Amino acid sequence: MTAQAGGAFPPQLAPREARKRLRALRRDLPDDEREAAGRAIRRELRHLRVWRPGRRVAVFLGMPDEVDLRPCFPEAWRRGVRLYVPRILSLRHGAMAFVPYDRDARLEANWFGIDEPVTPIGRRVSALQLDTILVPLVGFDAQCHRLGMGAGFYDRALQRRRDRAQPFRRPRLVGVAYSIQQLDRIEPAPWDVALDMVVTEHGVICRGDSIPGISLPRE
């Protein structure tokens, strides 16, 4: 189901209002649909070979209404995948780093109520040291532009990925979302970092695929 097909959005909507409505749609998903969609998304990630032995993969410990990636972690660890998760360094400056996430990691909630490992900052890695980053989002479009929460943590953390001129760019950026979060178009700002693909319960959407939805102007 797209946002347009569900009749929940007008043709044009400001990003702040779009975030509010998209989060409400995501929050109101029936439990059985959420669980089924989560299982389908986790299967797609396996088909993408995200959990390849020896890889460094950034995951997220999301909010209750976001896609739950935790069932993937035991398989990833068994395969020898090194997992990392975001950790906020400065709320004022919008600074975020990626820190190791191990089986026995002790967690505590950050300013937004999202779990983070209590890990020495000295163990952090940059985005360019990772093979794949699974990115949470509020909305996305056919070009794999991402509408986030609006704080800019990921855009700042991925700035060097955006600025690299080489044809081969690492890490691979994979958005993870429910299909109801798709939009027709998001006008990117100069500092935005486009995703390489988005995984939903209906499959993998690569940049350039055609997705019906609504048009979203950028703030």
Protein backbone atom coordinates (compact mmCIF):
# COMPACT_ATOMS: atom_id res chain seq x y z
CA MET A 1 0.00 0.00 0.00
CA THR A 2 1.33 3.44 -0.88
CA ALA A 3 0.55 6.62 0.99
CA GLN A 4 -1.43 7.89 -1.98
CA ALA A 5 -3.42 4.69 -2.36
CA GLY A 6 -4.32 4.82 1.31
CA GLY A 7 -5.79 8.29 0.87
CA ALA A 8 -3.92 9.65 3.89
CA PHE A 9 -2.05 12.51 2.21
CA PRO A 10 -2.87 15.56 0.09
CA PRO A 11 -0.86 15.99 -3.16
CA GLN A 12 1.62 18.40 -1.51
CA LEU A 13 2.77 18.29 2.09
CA ALA A 14 5.48 20.08 4.08
CA PRO A 15 8.17 17.74 5.47
CA ARG A 16 7.29 18.44 9.10
CA GLU A 17 3.68 17.45 8.55
CA ALA A 18 4.74 14.51 6.37
CA ARG A 19 6.92 13.19 9.18
CA LYS A 20 4.03 13.45 11.61
CA ARG A 21 1.60 11.63 9.33
CA LEU A 22 4.05 8.96 8.19
CA ARG A 23 4.99 8.18 11.78
CA ALA A 24 1.31 7.93 12.66
CA LEU A 25 0.76 5.48 9.77
CA ARG A 26 3.71 3.42 10.92
CA ARG A 27 2.62 3.51 14.55
CA ASP A 28 -0.94 2.45 13.67
CA LEU A 29 0.06 -0.67 11.74
CA PRO A 30 -1.82 -3.67 13.19
CA ASP A 31 0.48 -5.98 15.11
CA ASP A 32 -0.03 -8.92 12.78
CA GLU A 33 0.80 -6.80 9.70
CA ARG A 34 3.85 -5.34 11.44
CA GLU A 35 5.17 -8.77 12.36
CA ALA A 36 4.57 -10.19 8.88
CA ALA A 37 6.21 -7.17 7.24
CA GLY A 38 9.18 -7.41 9.60
CA ARG A 39 9.73 -11.06 8.73
CA ALA A 40 9.56 -10.29 4.99
CA ILE A 41 12.05 -7.42 5.35
CA ARG A 42 14.48 -9.58 7.29
CA ARG A 43 14.26 -12.24 4.54
CA GLU A 44 15.07 -9.62 1.93
CA LEU A 45 18.13 -8.54 3.89
CA ARG A 46 19.31 -12.14 3.94
CA HIS A 47 18.80 -12.38 0.17
CA LEU A 48 20.91 -9.23 -0.24
CA ARG A 49 23.72 -11.10 1.54
CA VAL A 50 24.04 -8.38 4.13
CA TRP A 51 25.22 -10.92 6.71
CA ARG A 52 28.34 -12.10 4.91
CA PRO A 53 31.15 -13.43 7.13
CA GLY A 54 33.74 -10.87 8.11
CA ARG A 55 31.67 -7.88 7.04
CA ARG A 56 31.21 -4.74 9.09
CA VAL A 57 27.53 -3.86 9.14
CA ALA A 58 25.85 -0.97 10.94
CA VAL A 59 22.36 -1.77 12.19
CA PHE A 60 19.96 0.25 14.34
CA LEU A 61 18.15 -0.42 17.59
CA GLY A 62 14.99 1.31 16.54
CA MET A 63 11.94 2.80 18.16
CA PRO A 64 9.01 0.44 18.85
CA ASP A 65 7.22 1.40 15.60
CA GLU A 66 10.30 0.96 13.38
CA VAL A 67 11.29 -2.28 11.67
CA ASP A 68 12.78 -4.63 14.25
CA LEU A 69 16.19 -5.90 13.13
CA ARG A 70 17.06 -7.66 16.39
CA PRO A 71 16.00 -11.15 15.17
CA CYS A 72 18.78 -10.87 12.55
CA PHE A 73 21.58 -10.33 15.04
CA PRO A 74 22.14 -13.91 16.30
CA GLU A 75 22.56 -15.13 12.71
CA ALA A 76 24.92 -12.25 11.94
CA TRP A 77 27.11 -13.01 14.96
CA ARG A 78 27.16 -16.74 14.12
CA ARG A 79 28.39 -15.86 10.64
CA GLY A 80 31.19 -13.71 12.02
CA VAL A 81 29.63 -10.37 11.04
CA ARG A 82 30.84 -7.43 13.10
CA LEU A 83 27.85 -5.31 14.03
CA TYR A 84 27.87 -1.60 14.82
CA VAL A 85 25.13 0.76 15.94
CA PRO A 86 24.81 4.55 16.02
CA ARG A 87 25.76 6.42 19.16
CA ILE A 88 25.03 10.12 19.58
CA LEU A 89 28.13 12.09 20.54
CA SER A 90 26.60 15.57 20.70
CA LEU A 91 22.93 16.48 20.59
CA ARG A 92 23.78 20.15 20.16
CA HIS A 93 26.02 19.56 17.12
CA GLY A 94 24.10 16.64 15.67
CA ALA A 95 27.19 14.42 15.89
CA MET A 96 26.90 10.64 15.70
CA ALA A 97 29.39 7.78 15.46
CA PHE A 98 29.18 4.02 14.94
CA VAL A 99 30.29 1.82 17.84
CA PRO A 100 30.60 -1.99 18.13
CA TYR A 101 27.55 -3.94 19.20
CA ASP A 102 28.35 -7.29 20.80
CA ARG A 103 26.17 -10.03 22.29
CA ASP A 104 26.90 -8.93 25.83
CA ALA A 105 26.73 -5.17 25.21
CA ARG A 106 25.24 -3.15 28.03
CA LEU A 107 22.66 -0.70 26.73
CA GLU A 108 21.25 2.57 27.96
CA ALA A 109 18.68 4.92 26.43
CA ASN A 110 19.83 8.14 24.76
CA TRP A 111 18.02 11.50 24.64
CA PHE A 112 15.40 10.04 22.26
CA GLY A 113 14.80 6.89 24.27
CA ILE A 114 16.75 4.74 21.77
CA ASP A 115 19.12 2.11 23.17
CA GLU A 116 22.85 2.63 22.70
CA PRO A 117 25.76 0.45 23.85
CA VAL A 118 27.80 1.76 26.75
CA THR A 119 30.99 1.46 24.71
CA PRO A 120 34.24 3.45 24.97
CA ILE A 121 34.18 6.15 22.30
CA GLY A 122 37.70 5.12 21.34
CA ARG A 123 36.24 2.00 19.67
CA ARG A 124 34.10 4.00 17.24
CA VAL A 125 34.57 3.70 13.49
CA SER A 126 33.79 6.06 10.64
CA ALA A 127 31.12 5.34 8.05
CA LEU A 128 33.80 4.67 5.42
CA GLN A 129 35.14 1.77 7.49
CA LEU A 130 31.81 -0.06 7.22
CA ASP A 131 30.66 -2.32 4.40
CA THR A 132 26.92 -1.74 4.79
CA ILE A 133 24.81 0.65 6.83
CA LEU A 134 21.16 -0.22 7.43
CA VAL A 135 19.46 3.13 7.78
CA PRO A 136 16.15 3.88 9.53
CA LEU A 137 13.87 6.40 7.86
CA VAL A 138 10.50 8.10 8.06
CA GLY A 139 9.89 8.33 4.30
CA PHE A 140 11.59 7.53 0.99
CA ASP A 141 11.05 8.00 -2.74
CA ALA A 142 11.89 6.26 -6.03
CA GLN A 143 15.34 7.84 -6.17
CA CYS A 144 16.07 6.50 -2.68
CA HIS A 145 16.10 9.94 -1.12
CA ARG A 146 15.41 9.65 2.57
CA LEU A 147 13.18 11.66 4.88
CA GLY A 148 14.61 11.24 8.37
CA MET A 149 13.60 12.58 11.74
CA GLY A 150 14.97 16.00 10.82
CA ALA A 151 17.97 16.17 13.18
CA GLY A 152 20.53 15.36 10.46
CA PHE A 153 22.58 12.81 12.40
CA TYR A 154 22.94 10.38 9.50
CA ASP A 155 23.59 13.08 6.90
CA ARG A 156 26.47 14.44 8.98
CA ALA A 157 27.87 10.98 9.71
CA LEU A 158 27.74 10.10 5.99
CA GLN A 159 29.12 13.38 4.66
CA ARG A 160 32.40 11.84 3.47
CA ARG A 161 30.45 9.11 1.66
CA ARG A 162 28.57 11.81 -0.26
CA ASP A 163 31.69 13.80 -1.10
CA ARG A 164 33.74 10.90 -2.48
CA ALA A 165 34.25 11.13 -6.25
CA GLN A 166 35.26 7.51 -6.86
CA PRO A 167 32.81 5.34 -8.83
CA PHE A 168 32.94 2.68 -6.12
CA ARG A 169 31.62 4.12 -2.92
CA ARG A 170 31.55 2.39 0.41
CA PRO A 171 29.57 1.74 2.51
CA ARG A 172 26.43 0.47 0.80
CA LEU A 173 23.50 2.44 2.23
CA VAL A 174 20.33 0.39 2.64
CA GLY A 175 17.16 2.02 3.91
CA VAL A 176 14.81 -0.18 5.92
CA ALA A 177 11.11 0.70 6.00
CA TYR A 178 7.53 -0.43 5.61
CA SER A 179 5.97 0.14 2.21
CA ILE A 180 3.46 2.63 3.65
CA GLN A 181 6.38 5.03 4.16
CA GLN A 182 7.01 5.55 0.45
CA LEU A 183 6.48 8.95 -1.17
CA ASP A 184 6.41 10.04 -4.79
CA ARG A 185 9.25 12.55 -4.56
CA ILE A 186 11.49 14.14 -1.96
CA GLU A 187 13.42 17.18 -3.12
CA PRO A 188 16.90 16.67 -1.61
CA ALA A 189 18.84 19.42 0.09
CA PRO A 190 22.54 19.87 -0.79
CA TRP A 191 23.62 18.08 2.38
CA ASP A 192 21.32 15.06 1.95
CA VAL A 193 22.87 11.66 1.26
CA ALA A 194 20.81 9.40 -1.02
CA LEU A 195 20.49 5.71 -0.21
CA ASP A 196 21.60 3.00 -2.62
CA MET A 197 18.41 1.02 -2.07
CA VAL A 198 15.43 0.64 0.24
CA VAL A 199 14.14 -2.69 1.54
CA THR A 200 10.44 -3.06 2.32
CA GLU A 201 8.19 -6.07 2.83
CA HIS A 202 7.47 -5.98 -0.93
CA GLY A 203 11.09 -6.26 -2.01
CA VAL A 204 14.15 -4.16 -2.81
CA ILE A 205 13.81 -0.73 -4.42
CA CYS A 206 16.98 0.49 -6.09
CA ARG A 207 17.60 4.10 -7.02
CA GLY A 208 15.66 4.98 -10.18
CA ASP A 209 12.78 2.52 -9.73
CA SER A 210 9.30 3.93 -10.25
CA ILE A 211 7.19 4.19 -7.11
CA PRO A 212 3.76 5.85 -7.07
CA GLY A 213 2.96 8.01 -4.10
CA ILE A 214 2.77 11.68 -3.14
CA SER A 215 4.94 14.66 -3.94
CA LEU A 216 6.91 16.10 -1.04
CA PRO A 217 8.61 19.53 -1.16
CA ARG A 218 11.76 19.96 0.88
CA GLU A 219 12.02 22.44 3.75
